[in-house]
Amino acid sequence: MNRRLISSLITLWLLLGLMAGSTVGWVTPAWGDAVDQAVVDESTQLWQGSAHALNDVNCSSCHQNDAADSATKTFVAHPDQESCRSCHEQAVDTFLLGKHGIRLREGETPLTPALARLPMKAEAHDLQMTCATCHDAHAVNTVQAAVDSCLTCHNDSHSLNYENSRHAELFAADRTLPRPSGSSVSCATCHLPRHELKKGDSSITLVNNNNTYTLLPRDRMVKEVCMNCHGVEYSYNSIFDDDLVEANFDQPPSLSLETFDLVRTLEEKRTDSGSE
């Protein structure tokens, strides 16, 4: 057992109220839920291999209330998005602007799939949409969050057809990596796009967690996502083909937008007039 893991376990032990002088063993904390050692062990094991552990983010980072007066810090049994915000401000801000998080922004209870207009899987109807719904708070597995978490709830044709697409083949090739690479295409690639932000001589990757942003108008998906890999005509012919969208882009587009024919005709006229 490494030193970081030991340190984290000690922190959790103290946070649960097992202070010096208490009896050995697990207790029922003040919030009323009995602490299951098996659950703690599993959570700790997931945390140990996570990006949080690698960056020295331990139990107290999320489960201890960071009050202005350190003497009043208390244990937080169920951290919410505000705990995440302490490190991931941009991710939380954009999450709260999308369909998944807007109810939290407005002070309402979290969104559940039962409230959705799109078809959702019956067994997921009561799931509450928070940061931890898509990526486990302890494992922080962004590969799982990129596709598997989406398909846990979504049951519409577009979502279900993803697994038959060329995009899914690209994602399957590197889903064992710590996070999806730039060459893979997941649900999150298109609906939660990444972008690089220069910071001095280096750069950081930011994710737009507003899952509504690239939906409408469709042109925004072309600019923010499609043209990272495809040409402008291919992208527009794909995104405005309703049948192809429903099939989750399982083949090249058959649509031919008249706009591009007009542009080519105009360019030919300009070329011809310039050669005279």
C-alpha atoms as a PDB file:
ATOM      1  CA  MET A   1       0.000   0.000   0.000  1.00  0.00           C
ATOM      2  CA  ASN A   2       1.633   3.288  -1.093  1.00  0.00           C
ATOM      3  CA  ARG A   3       2.012   6.360   1.085  1.00  0.00           C
ATOM      4  CA  ARG A   4      -0.580   8.393  -0.826  1.00  0.00           C
ATOM      5  CA  LEU A   5      -3.205   5.709  -0.323  1.00  0.00           C
ATOM      6  CA  ILE A   6      -2.392   5.416   3.379  1.00  0.00           C
ATOM      7  CA  SER A   7      -2.645   9.189   3.727  1.00  0.00           C
ATOM      8  CA  SER A   8      -6.023   9.235   1.997  1.00  0.00           C
ATOM      9  CA  LEU A   9      -7.402   6.421   4.172  1.00  0.00           C
ATOM     10  CA  ILE A  10      -6.271   8.224   7.301  1.00  0.00           C
ATOM     11  CA  THR A  11      -7.954  11.415   6.063  1.00  0.00           C
ATOM     12  CA  LEU A  12     -11.198   9.574   5.404  1.00  0.00           C
ATOM     13  CA  TRP A  13     -11.002   7.868   8.816  1.00  0.00           C
ATOM     14  CA  LEU A  14     -10.695  11.232  10.530  1.00  0.00           C
ATOM     15  CA  LEU A  15     -13.449  12.792   8.455  1.00  0.00           C
ATOM     16  CA  LEU A  16     -15.835  10.038   9.452  1.00  0.00           C
ATOM     17  CA  GLY A  17     -15.420  11.020  13.043  1.00  0.00           C
ATOM     18  CA  LEU A  18     -13.149   8.229  14.212  1.00  0.00           C
ATOM     19  CA  MET A  19     -11.098  10.566  16.309  1.00  0.00           C
ATOM     20  CA  ALA A  20      -8.674   9.619  19.049  1.00  0.00           C
ATOM     21  CA  GLY A  21     -10.468   7.975  21.954  1.00  0.00           C
ATOM     22  CA  SER A  22     -13.314   6.469  19.921  1.00  0.00           C
ATOM     23  CA  THR A  23     -13.848   2.737  19.806  1.00  0.00           C
ATOM     24  CA  VAL A  24     -12.263   0.771  16.992  1.00  0.00           C
ATOM     25  CA  GLY A  25     -14.596   0.011  14.058  1.00  0.00           C
ATOM     26  CA  TRP A  26     -17.039   1.813  11.839  1.00  0.00           C
ATOM     27  CA  VAL A  27     -19.676   4.073  13.337  1.00  0.00           C
ATOM     28  CA  THR A  28     -22.873   5.733  12.210  1.00  0.00           C
ATOM     29  CA  PRO A  29     -21.923   9.359  11.377  1.00  0.00           C
ATOM     30  CA  ALA A  30     -24.039  12.391  12.238  1.00  0.00           C
ATOM     31  CA  TRP A  31     -25.841  12.432   8.873  1.00  0.00           C
ATOM     32  CA  GLY A  32     -27.410   9.049   9.690  1.00  0.00           C
ATOM     33  CA  ASP A  33     -26.029   6.704   7.001  1.00  0.00           C
ATOM     34  CA  ALA A  34     -24.019   3.753   8.272  1.00  0.00           C
ATOM     35  CA  VAL A  35     -20.589   3.609   6.675  1.00  0.00           C
ATOM     36  CA  ASP A  36     -19.923   0.361   4.845  1.00  0.00           C
ATOM     37  CA  GLN A  37     -16.233  -0.498   4.904  1.00  0.00           C
ATOM     38  CA  ALA A  38     -16.591  -2.467   1.647  1.00  0.00           C
ATOM     39  CA  VAL A  39     -17.887   0.658  -0.076  1.00  0.00           C
ATOM     40  CA  VAL A  40     -15.026   2.727   1.305  1.00  0.00           C
ATOM     41  CA  ASP A  41     -12.499   0.097   0.193  1.00  0.00           C
ATOM     42  CA  GLU A  42     -13.973  -0.006  -3.307  1.00  0.00           C
ATOM     43  CA  SER A  43     -14.024   3.775  -3.572  1.00  0.00           C
ATOM     44  CA  THR A  44     -10.433   3.993  -2.394  1.00  0.00           C
ATOM     45  CA  GLN A  45      -9.320   1.371  -4.899  1.00  0.00           C
ATOM     46  CA  LEU A  46     -11.017   3.254  -7.745  1.00  0.00           C
ATOM     47  CA  TRP A  47      -9.462   6.509  -6.568  1.00  0.00           C
ATOM     48  CA  GLN A  48      -5.965   5.011  -6.377  1.00  0.00           C
ATOM     49  CA  GLY A  49      -5.722   4.592 -10.160  1.00  0.00           C
ATOM     50  CA  SER A  50      -7.458   7.855 -11.031  1.00  0.00           C
ATOM     51  CA  ALA A  51      -6.254  11.187 -12.335  1.00  0.00           C
ATOM     52  CA  HIS A  52      -7.268  12.650  -8.978  1.00  0.00           C
ATOM     53  CA  ALA A  53      -4.817  10.417  -7.114  1.00  0.00           C
ATOM     54  CA  LEU A  54      -2.030  11.250  -9.570  1.00  0.00           C
ATOM     55  CA  ASN A  55      -2.621  14.939  -8.838  1.00  0.00           C
ATOM     56  CA  ASP A  56      -2.820  14.564  -5.045  1.00  0.00           C
ATOM     57  CA  VAL A  57      -6.576  15.178  -4.919  1.00  0.00           C
ATOM     58  CA  ASN A  58      -7.654  12.984  -2.009  1.00  0.00           C
ATOM     59  CA  CYS A  59     -10.815  12.308  -0.018  1.00  0.00           C
ATOM     60  CA  SER A  60     -10.747  15.577   1.918  1.00  0.00           C
ATOM     61  CA  SER A  61     -10.452  17.586  -1.316  1.00  0.00           C
ATOM     62  CA  CYS A  62     -14.079  16.762  -2.108  1.00  0.00           C
ATOM     63  CA  HIS A  63     -15.606  15.501   1.141  1.00  0.00           C
ATOM     64  CA  GLN A  64     -14.475  18.288   3.449  1.00  0.00           C
ATOM     65  CA  ASN A  65     -16.275  21.607   3.410  1.00  0.00           C
ATOM     66  CA  ASP A  66     -13.695  24.291   2.676  1.00  0.00           C
ATOM     67  CA  ALA A  67     -15.130  26.957   4.945  1.00  0.00           C
ATOM     68  CA  ALA A  68     -13.393  30.273   5.411  1.00  0.00           C
ATOM     69  CA  ASP A  69     -12.795  29.358   9.033  1.00  0.00           C
ATOM     70  CA  SER A  70     -10.803  26.120   8.946  1.00  0.00           C
ATOM     71  CA  ALA A  71     -12.041  25.239  12.421  1.00  0.00           C
ATOM     72  CA  THR A  72     -15.578  24.796  11.066  1.00  0.00           C
ATOM     73  CA  LYS A  73     -14.740  22.438   8.191  1.00  0.00           C
ATOM     74  CA  THR A  74     -17.239  19.612   8.172  1.00  0.00           C
ATOM     75  CA  PHE A  75     -17.598  16.302   6.372  1.00  0.00           C
ATOM     76  CA  VAL A  76     -19.670  16.406   3.162  1.00  0.00           C
ATOM     77  CA  ALA A  77     -21.280  13.016   2.552  1.00  0.00           C
ATOM     78  CA  HIS A  78     -22.516  13.748  -0.974  1.00  0.00           C
ATOM     79  CA  PRO A  79     -20.431  16.451  -2.701  1.00  0.00           C
ATOM     80  CA  ASP A  80     -22.259  18.292  -5.483  1.00  0.00           C
ATOM     81  CA  GLN A  81     -21.107  20.317  -8.490  1.00  0.00           C
ATOM     82  CA  GLU A  82     -19.841  23.093  -6.230  1.00  0.00           C
ATOM     83  CA  SER A  83     -17.179  20.722  -4.926  1.00  0.00           C
ATOM     84  CA  CYS A  84     -16.168  19.971  -8.516  1.00  0.00           C
ATOM     85  CA  ARG A  85     -16.120  23.689  -9.312  1.00  0.00           C
ATOM     86  CA  SER A  86     -13.199  24.272  -6.939  1.00  0.00           C
ATOM     87  CA  CYS A  87     -10.956  22.696  -9.595  1.00  0.00           C
ATOM     88  CA  HIS A  88     -13.138  22.450 -12.712  1.00  0.00           C
ATOM     89  CA  GLU A  89     -14.803  25.858 -12.870  1.00  0.00           C
ATOM     90  CA  GLN A  90     -15.193  26.000 -16.663  1.00  0.00           C
ATOM     91  CA  ALA A  91     -16.536  22.447 -16.847  1.00  0.00           C
ATOM     92  CA  VAL A  92     -19.165  23.107 -14.175  1.00  0.00           C
ATOM     93  CA  ASP A  93     -20.171  26.480 -15.624  1.00  0.00           C
ATOM     94  CA  THR A  94     -20.811  24.965 -19.065  1.00  0.00           C
ATOM     95  CA  PHE A  95     -22.548  21.907 -17.574  1.00  0.00           C
ATOM     96  CA  LEU A  96     -25.046  24.169 -15.825  1.00  0.00           C
ATOM     97  CA  LEU A  97     -25.911  25.830 -19.152  1.00  0.00           C
ATOM     98  CA  GLY A  98     -26.907  22.572 -20.880  1.00  0.00           C
ATOM     99  CA  LYS A  99     -30.023  20.427 -20.634  1.00  0.00           C
ATOM    100  CA  HIS A 100     -28.318  18.108 -18.167  1.00  0.00           C
ATOM    101  CA  GLY A 101     -27.500  20.824 -15.645  1.00  0.00           C
ATOM    102  CA  ILE A 102     -29.881  23.735 -16.206  1.00  0.00           C
ATOM    103  CA  ARG A 103     -32.291  22.623 -13.456  1.00  0.00           C
ATOM    104  CA  LEU A 104     -29.442  22.791 -10.923  1.00  0.00           C
ATOM    105  CA  ARG A 105     -28.567  26.278 -12.163  1.00  0.00           C
ATOM    106  CA  GLU A 106     -32.162  27.350 -11.530  1.00  0.00           C
ATOM    107  CA  GLY A 107     -32.174  25.863  -8.013  1.00  0.00           C
ATOM    108  CA  GLU A 108     -34.392  22.933  -8.958  1.00  0.00           C
ATOM    109  CA  THR A 109     -33.871  19.217  -8.300  1.00  0.00           C
ATOM    110  CA  PRO A 110     -31.531  17.489 -10.778  1.00  0.00           C
ATOM    111  CA  LEU A 111     -32.847  16.446 -14.174  1.00  0.00           C
ATOM    112  CA  THR A 112     -33.852  12.792 -14.483  1.00  0.00           C
ATOM    113  CA  PRO A 113     -34.313  10.826 -17.737  1.00  0.00           C
ATOM    114  CA  ALA A 114     -37.986  10.428 -16.787  1.00  0.00           C
ATOM    115  CA  LEU A 115     -38.395  14.162 -17.549  1.00  0.00           C
ATOM    116  CA  ALA A 116     -36.814  13.943 -21.001  1.00  0.00           C
ATOM    117  CA  ARG A 117     -38.670  14.268 -24.293  1.00  0.00           C
ATOM    118  CA  LEU A 118     -36.371  11.860 -26.130  1.00  0.00           C
ATOM    119  CA  PRO A 119     -36.786   8.107 -25.533  1.00  0.00           C
ATOM    120  CA  MET A 120     -34.843   7.005 -22.461  1.00  0.00           C
ATOM    121  CA  LYS A 121     -34.177   3.559 -21.011  1.00  0.00           C
ATOM    122  CA  ALA A 122     -36.758   2.682 -18.381  1.00  0.00           C
ATOM    123  CA  GLU A 123     -34.178   1.425 -15.888  1.00  0.00           C
ATOM    124  CA  ALA A 124     -32.453   4.828 -15.968  1.00  0.00           C
ATOM    125  CA  HIS A 125     -35.561   6.966 -15.414  1.00  0.00           C
ATOM    126  CA  ASP A 126     -34.721   7.871 -11.825  1.00  0.00           C
ATOM    127  CA  LEU A 127     -31.024   8.694 -12.320  1.00  0.00           C
ATOM    128  CA  GLN A 128     -30.200  12.253 -11.302  1.00  0.00           C
ATOM    129  CA  MET A 129     -28.041  14.236 -13.705  1.00  0.00           C
ATOM    130  CA  THR A 130     -24.984  15.480 -11.827  1.00  0.00           C
ATOM    131  CA  CYS A 131     -21.276  15.487 -12.574  1.00  0.00           C
ATOM    132  CA  ALA A 132     -20.905  12.047 -10.981  1.00  0.00           C
ATOM    133  CA  THR A 133     -23.699  10.528 -13.077  1.00  0.00           C
ATOM    134  CA  CYS A 134     -21.504  10.383 -16.182  1.00  0.00           C
ATOM    135  CA  HIS A 135     -18.065   9.875 -14.685  1.00  0.00           C
ATOM    136  CA  ASP A 136     -17.706   8.130 -11.340  1.00  0.00           C
ATOM    137  CA  ALA A 137     -16.432  10.589  -8.776  1.00  0.00           C
ATOM    138  CA  HIS A 138     -13.758   8.172  -7.556  1.00  0.00           C
ATOM    139  CA  ALA A 139     -12.595   6.522 -10.790  1.00  0.00           C
ATOM    140  CA  VAL A 140     -12.955   9.717 -12.884  1.00  0.00           C
ATOM    141  CA  ASN A 141     -13.128   7.484 -15.969  1.00  0.00           C
ATOM    142  CA  THR A 142     -13.541   9.794 -18.960  1.00  0.00           C
ATOM    143  CA  VAL A 143     -13.531   6.862 -21.421  1.00  0.00           C
ATOM    144  CA  GLN A 144     -16.676   5.517 -19.764  1.00  0.00           C
ATOM    145  CA  ALA A 145     -18.186   8.997 -19.722  1.00  0.00           C
ATOM    146  CA  ALA A 146     -17.556   9.463 -23.443  1.00  0.00           C
ATOM    147  CA  VAL A 147     -19.990   6.752 -24.625  1.00  0.00           C
ATOM    148  CA  ASP A 148     -21.100   4.188 -22.026  1.00  0.00           C
ATOM    149  CA  SER A 149     -22.628   6.772 -19.708  1.00  0.00           C
ATOM    150  CA  CYS A 150     -24.636   8.275 -22.583  1.00  0.00           C
ATOM    151  CA  LEU A 151     -26.029   4.914 -23.636  1.00  0.00           C
ATOM    152  CA  THR A 152     -26.983   4.140 -20.041  1.00  0.00           C
ATOM    153  CA  CYS A 153     -29.866   6.600 -20.471  1.00  0.00           C
ATOM    154  CA  HIS A 154     -30.419   7.476 -24.132  1.00  0.00           C
ATOM    155  CA  ASN A 155     -32.650   5.108 -26.095  1.00  0.00           C
ATOM    156  CA  ASP A 156     -33.343   7.090 -29.287  1.00  0.00           C
ATOM    157  CA  SER A 157     -32.353   5.862 -32.764  1.00  0.00           C
ATOM    158  CA  HIS A 158     -29.468   8.317 -33.188  1.00  0.00           C
ATOM    159  CA  SER A 159     -27.845   7.204 -29.925  1.00  0.00           C
ATOM    160  CA  LEU A 160     -28.404   3.473 -30.416  1.00  0.00           C
ATOM    161  CA  ASN A 161     -27.050   3.587 -33.977  1.00  0.00           C
ATOM    162  CA  TYR A 162     -23.724   4.996 -32.776  1.00  0.00           C
ATOM    163  CA  GLU A 163     -22.357   1.507 -32.134  1.00  0.00           C
ATOM    164  CA  ASN A 164     -22.820   0.628 -35.834  1.00  0.00           C
ATOM    165  CA  SER A 165     -20.976   3.698 -37.101  1.00  0.00           C
ATOM    166  CA  ARG A 166     -17.459   4.308 -38.352  1.00  0.00           C
ATOM    167  CA  HIS A 167     -17.057   6.741 -35.468  1.00  0.00           C
ATOM    168  CA  ALA A 168     -17.609   3.883 -33.000  1.00  0.00           C
ATOM    169  CA  GLU A 169     -14.899   1.825 -34.702  1.00  0.00           C
ATOM    170  CA  LEU A 170     -12.410   4.640 -34.203  1.00  0.00           C
ATOM    171  CA  PHE A 171     -13.379   4.996 -30.555  1.00  0.00           C
ATOM    172  CA  ALA A 172     -13.166   1.248 -29.906  1.00  0.00           C
ATOM    173  CA  ALA A 173      -9.576   1.231 -31.116  1.00  0.00           C
ATOM    174  CA  ASP A 174      -8.324   3.348 -28.205  1.00  0.00           C
ATOM    175  CA  ARG A 175     -10.963   3.117 -25.463  1.00  0.00           C
ATOM    176  CA  THR A 176      -8.386   1.424 -23.198  1.00  0.00           C
ATOM    177  CA  LEU A 177      -6.427   4.678 -22.956  1.00  0.00           C
ATOM    178  CA  PRO A 178      -6.788   6.905 -19.856  1.00  0.00           C
ATOM    179  CA  ARG A 179      -8.966   9.234 -21.950  1.00  0.00           C
ATOM    180  CA  PRO A 180     -10.193   9.190 -25.561  1.00  0.00           C
ATOM    181  CA  SER A 181      -7.529  10.385 -27.987  1.00  0.00           C
ATOM    182  CA  GLY A 182      -7.943  13.091 -30.589  1.00  0.00           C
ATOM    183  CA  SER A 183      -8.370  10.505 -33.343  1.00  0.00           C
ATOM    184  CA  SER A 184     -11.362   8.757 -31.745  1.00  0.00           C
ATOM    185  CA  VAL A 185     -14.949   9.954 -32.100  1.00  0.00           C
ATOM    186  CA  SER A 186     -17.292   9.354 -29.198  1.00  0.00           C
ATOM    187  CA  CYS A 187     -20.652  10.813 -28.220  1.00  0.00           C
ATOM    188  CA  ALA A 188     -18.737  13.385 -26.189  1.00  0.00           C
ATOM    189  CA  THR A 189     -16.524  14.345 -29.136  1.00  0.00           C
ATOM    190  CA  CYS A 190     -19.521  15.873 -30.881  1.00  0.00           C
ATOM    191  CA  HIS A 191     -21.813  16.861 -28.021  1.00  0.00           C
ATOM    192  CA  LEU A 192     -19.200  17.898 -25.426  1.00  0.00           C
ATOM    193  CA  PRO A 193     -16.394  19.185 -27.674  1.00  0.00           C
ATOM    194  CA  ARG A 194     -12.900  19.887 -26.422  1.00  0.00           C
ATOM    195  CA  HIS A 195     -10.749  22.851 -27.264  1.00  0.00           C
ATOM    196  CA  GLU A 196      -7.197  23.823 -26.452  1.00  0.00           C
ATOM    197  CA  LEU A 197      -6.420  26.959 -24.476  1.00  0.00           C
ATOM    198  CA  LYS A 198      -2.904  28.374 -24.661  1.00  0.00           C
ATOM    199  CA  LYS A 199      -1.398  29.096 -21.273  1.00  0.00           C
ATOM    200  CA  GLY A 200       2.100  30.492 -21.591  1.00  0.00           C
ATOM    201  CA  ASP A 201       4.319  28.004 -23.374  1.00  0.00           C
ATOM    202  CA  SER A 202       1.890  25.151 -22.763  1.00  0.00           C
ATOM    203  CA  SER A 203      -1.811  24.540 -23.311  1.00  0.00           C
ATOM    204  CA  ILE A 204      -4.685  23.012 -21.390  1.00  0.00           C
ATOM    205  CA  THR A 205      -7.660  21.062 -22.707  1.00  0.00           C
ATOM    206  CA  LEU A 206     -11.089  22.385 -21.816  1.00  0.00           C
ATOM    207  CA  VAL A 207     -14.364  20.534 -22.339  1.00  0.00           C
ATOM    208  CA  ASN A 208     -17.621  22.306 -23.150  1.00  0.00           C
ATOM    209  CA  ASN A 209     -20.057  20.342 -20.975  1.00  0.00           C
ATOM    210  CA  ASN A 210     -23.052  22.255 -22.330  1.00  0.00           C
ATOM    211  CA  ASN A 211     -24.591  19.302 -24.172  1.00  0.00           C
ATOM    212  CA  THR A 212     -27.085  21.633 -25.872  1.00  0.00           C
ATOM    213  CA  TYR A 213     -24.552  23.976 -27.473  1.00  0.00           C
ATOM    214  CA  THR A 214     -23.789  22.038 -30.663  1.00  0.00           C
ATOM    215  CA  LEU A 215     -27.334  20.771 -31.260  1.00  0.00           C
ATOM    216  CA  LEU A 216     -28.923  23.879 -32.779  1.00  0.00           C
ATOM    217  CA  PRO A 217     -28.352  25.576 -35.071  1.00  0.00           C
ATOM    218  CA  ARG A 218     -26.776  22.660 -36.914  1.00  0.00           C
ATOM    219  CA  ASP A 219     -24.180  24.968 -38.459  1.00  0.00           C
ATOM    220  CA  ARG A 220     -22.593  25.214 -35.014  1.00  0.00           C
ATOM    221  CA  MET A 221     -21.881  21.472 -35.001  1.00  0.00           C
ATOM    222  CA  VAL A 222     -20.152  21.871 -38.378  1.00  0.00           C
ATOM    223  CA  LYS A 223     -17.908  24.671 -37.135  1.00  0.00           C
ATOM    224  CA  GLU A 224     -17.158  23.331 -33.664  1.00  0.00           C
ATOM    225  CA  VAL A 225     -16.856  19.612 -34.468  1.00  0.00           C
ATOM    226  CA  CYS A 226     -17.284  18.211 -37.985  1.00  0.00           C
ATOM    227  CA  MET A 227     -14.670  20.371 -39.696  1.00  0.00           C
ATOM    228  CA  ASN A 228     -12.007  19.202 -37.266  1.00  0.00           C
ATOM    229  CA  CYS A 229     -11.933  16.060 -39.421  1.00  0.00           C
ATOM    230  CA  HIS A 230     -14.045  16.664 -42.551  1.00  0.00           C
ATOM    231  CA  GLY A 231     -14.263  19.261 -45.291  1.00  0.00           C
ATOM    232  CA  VAL A 232     -16.945  21.934 -45.243  1.00  0.00           C
ATOM    233  CA  GLU A 233     -19.094  20.432 -48.034  1.00  0.00           C
ATOM    234  CA  TYR A 234     -18.935  16.906 -46.607  1.00  0.00           C
ATOM    235  CA  SER A 235     -19.840  18.277 -43.174  1.00  0.00           C
ATOM    236  CA  TYR A 236     -22.842  20.323 -44.327  1.00  0.00           C
ATOM    237  CA  ASN A 237     -24.171  17.532 -46.542  1.00  0.00           C
ATOM    238  CA  SER A 238     -23.989  15.189 -43.545  1.00  0.00           C
ATOM    239  CA  ILE A 239     -25.422  17.339 -40.771  1.00  0.00           C
ATOM    240  CA  PHE A 240     -28.455  18.468 -42.826  1.00  0.00           C
ATOM    241  CA  ASP A 241     -29.366  14.935 -43.931  1.00  0.00           C
ATOM    242  CA  ASP A 242     -32.025  13.939 -41.384  1.00  0.00           C
ATOM    243  CA  ASP A 243     -31.876  10.236 -42.257  1.00  0.00           C
ATOM    244  CA  LEU A 244     -28.096  10.179 -41.956  1.00  0.00           C
ATOM    245  CA  VAL A 245     -28.246  11.944 -38.591  1.00  0.00           C
ATOM    246  CA  GLU A 246     -30.710   9.364 -37.292  1.00  0.00           C
ATOM    247  CA  ALA A 247     -28.429   6.577 -38.552  1.00  0.00           C
ATOM    248  CA  ASN A 248     -25.570   8.281 -36.668  1.00  0.00           C
ATOM    249  CA  PHE A 249     -23.507   8.888 -39.798  1.00  0.00           C
ATOM    250  CA  ASP A 250     -23.019   5.229 -40.644  1.00  0.00           C
ATOM    251  CA  GLN A 251     -22.066   6.047 -44.259  1.00  0.00           C
ATOM    252  CA  PRO A 252     -20.916   9.004 -46.419  1.00  0.00           C
ATOM    253  CA  PRO A 253     -23.571  11.647 -47.170  1.00  0.00           C
ATOM    254  CA  SER A 254     -25.815  11.303 -50.217  1.00  0.00           C
ATOM    255  CA  LEU A 255     -27.299  14.783 -49.849  1.00  0.00           C
ATOM    256  CA  SER A 256     -25.957  17.468 -52.183  1.00  0.00           C
ATOM    257  CA  LEU A 257     -26.784  20.981 -51.011  1.00  0.00           C
ATOM    258  CA  GLU A 258     -27.461  23.369 -53.882  1.00  0.00           C
ATOM    259  CA  THR A 259     -25.466  26.089 -52.139  1.00  0.00           C
ATOM    260  CA  PHE A 260     -22.163  24.421 -52.994  1.00  0.00           C
ATOM    261  CA  ASP A 261     -23.160  23.968 -56.650  1.00  0.00           C
ATOM    262  CA  LEU A 262     -23.932  27.687 -56.826  1.00  0.00           C
ATOM    263  CA  VAL A 263     -20.569  28.526 -55.276  1.00  0.00           C
ATOM    264  CA  ARG A 264     -18.750  26.341 -57.814  1.00  0.00           C
ATOM    265  CA  THR A 265     -20.666  27.904 -60.702  1.00  0.00           C
ATOM    266  CA  LEU A 266     -19.806  31.387 -59.464  1.00  0.00           C
ATOM    267  CA  GLU A 267     -16.146  30.426 -59.088  1.00  0.00           C
ATOM    268  CA  GLU A 268     -16.070  29.083 -62.649  1.00  0.00           C
ATOM    269  CA  LYS A 269     -17.492  32.371 -63.939  1.00  0.00           C
ATOM    270  CA  ARG A 270     -14.896  34.331 -62.037  1.00  0.00           C
ATOM    271  CA  THR A 271     -12.111  32.111 -63.384  1.00  0.00           C
ATOM    272  CA  ASP A 272     -13.373  32.387 -66.957  1.00  0.00           C
ATOM    273  CA  SER A 273     -13.725  36.173 -66.772  1.00  0.00           C
ATOM    274  CA  GLY A 274     -10.256  36.505 -65.310  1.00  0.00           C
ATOM    275  CA  SER A 275      -8.662  34.550 -68.127  1.00  0.00           C
ATOM    276  CA  GLU A 276     -10.126  36.786 -70.858  1.00  0.00           C
END
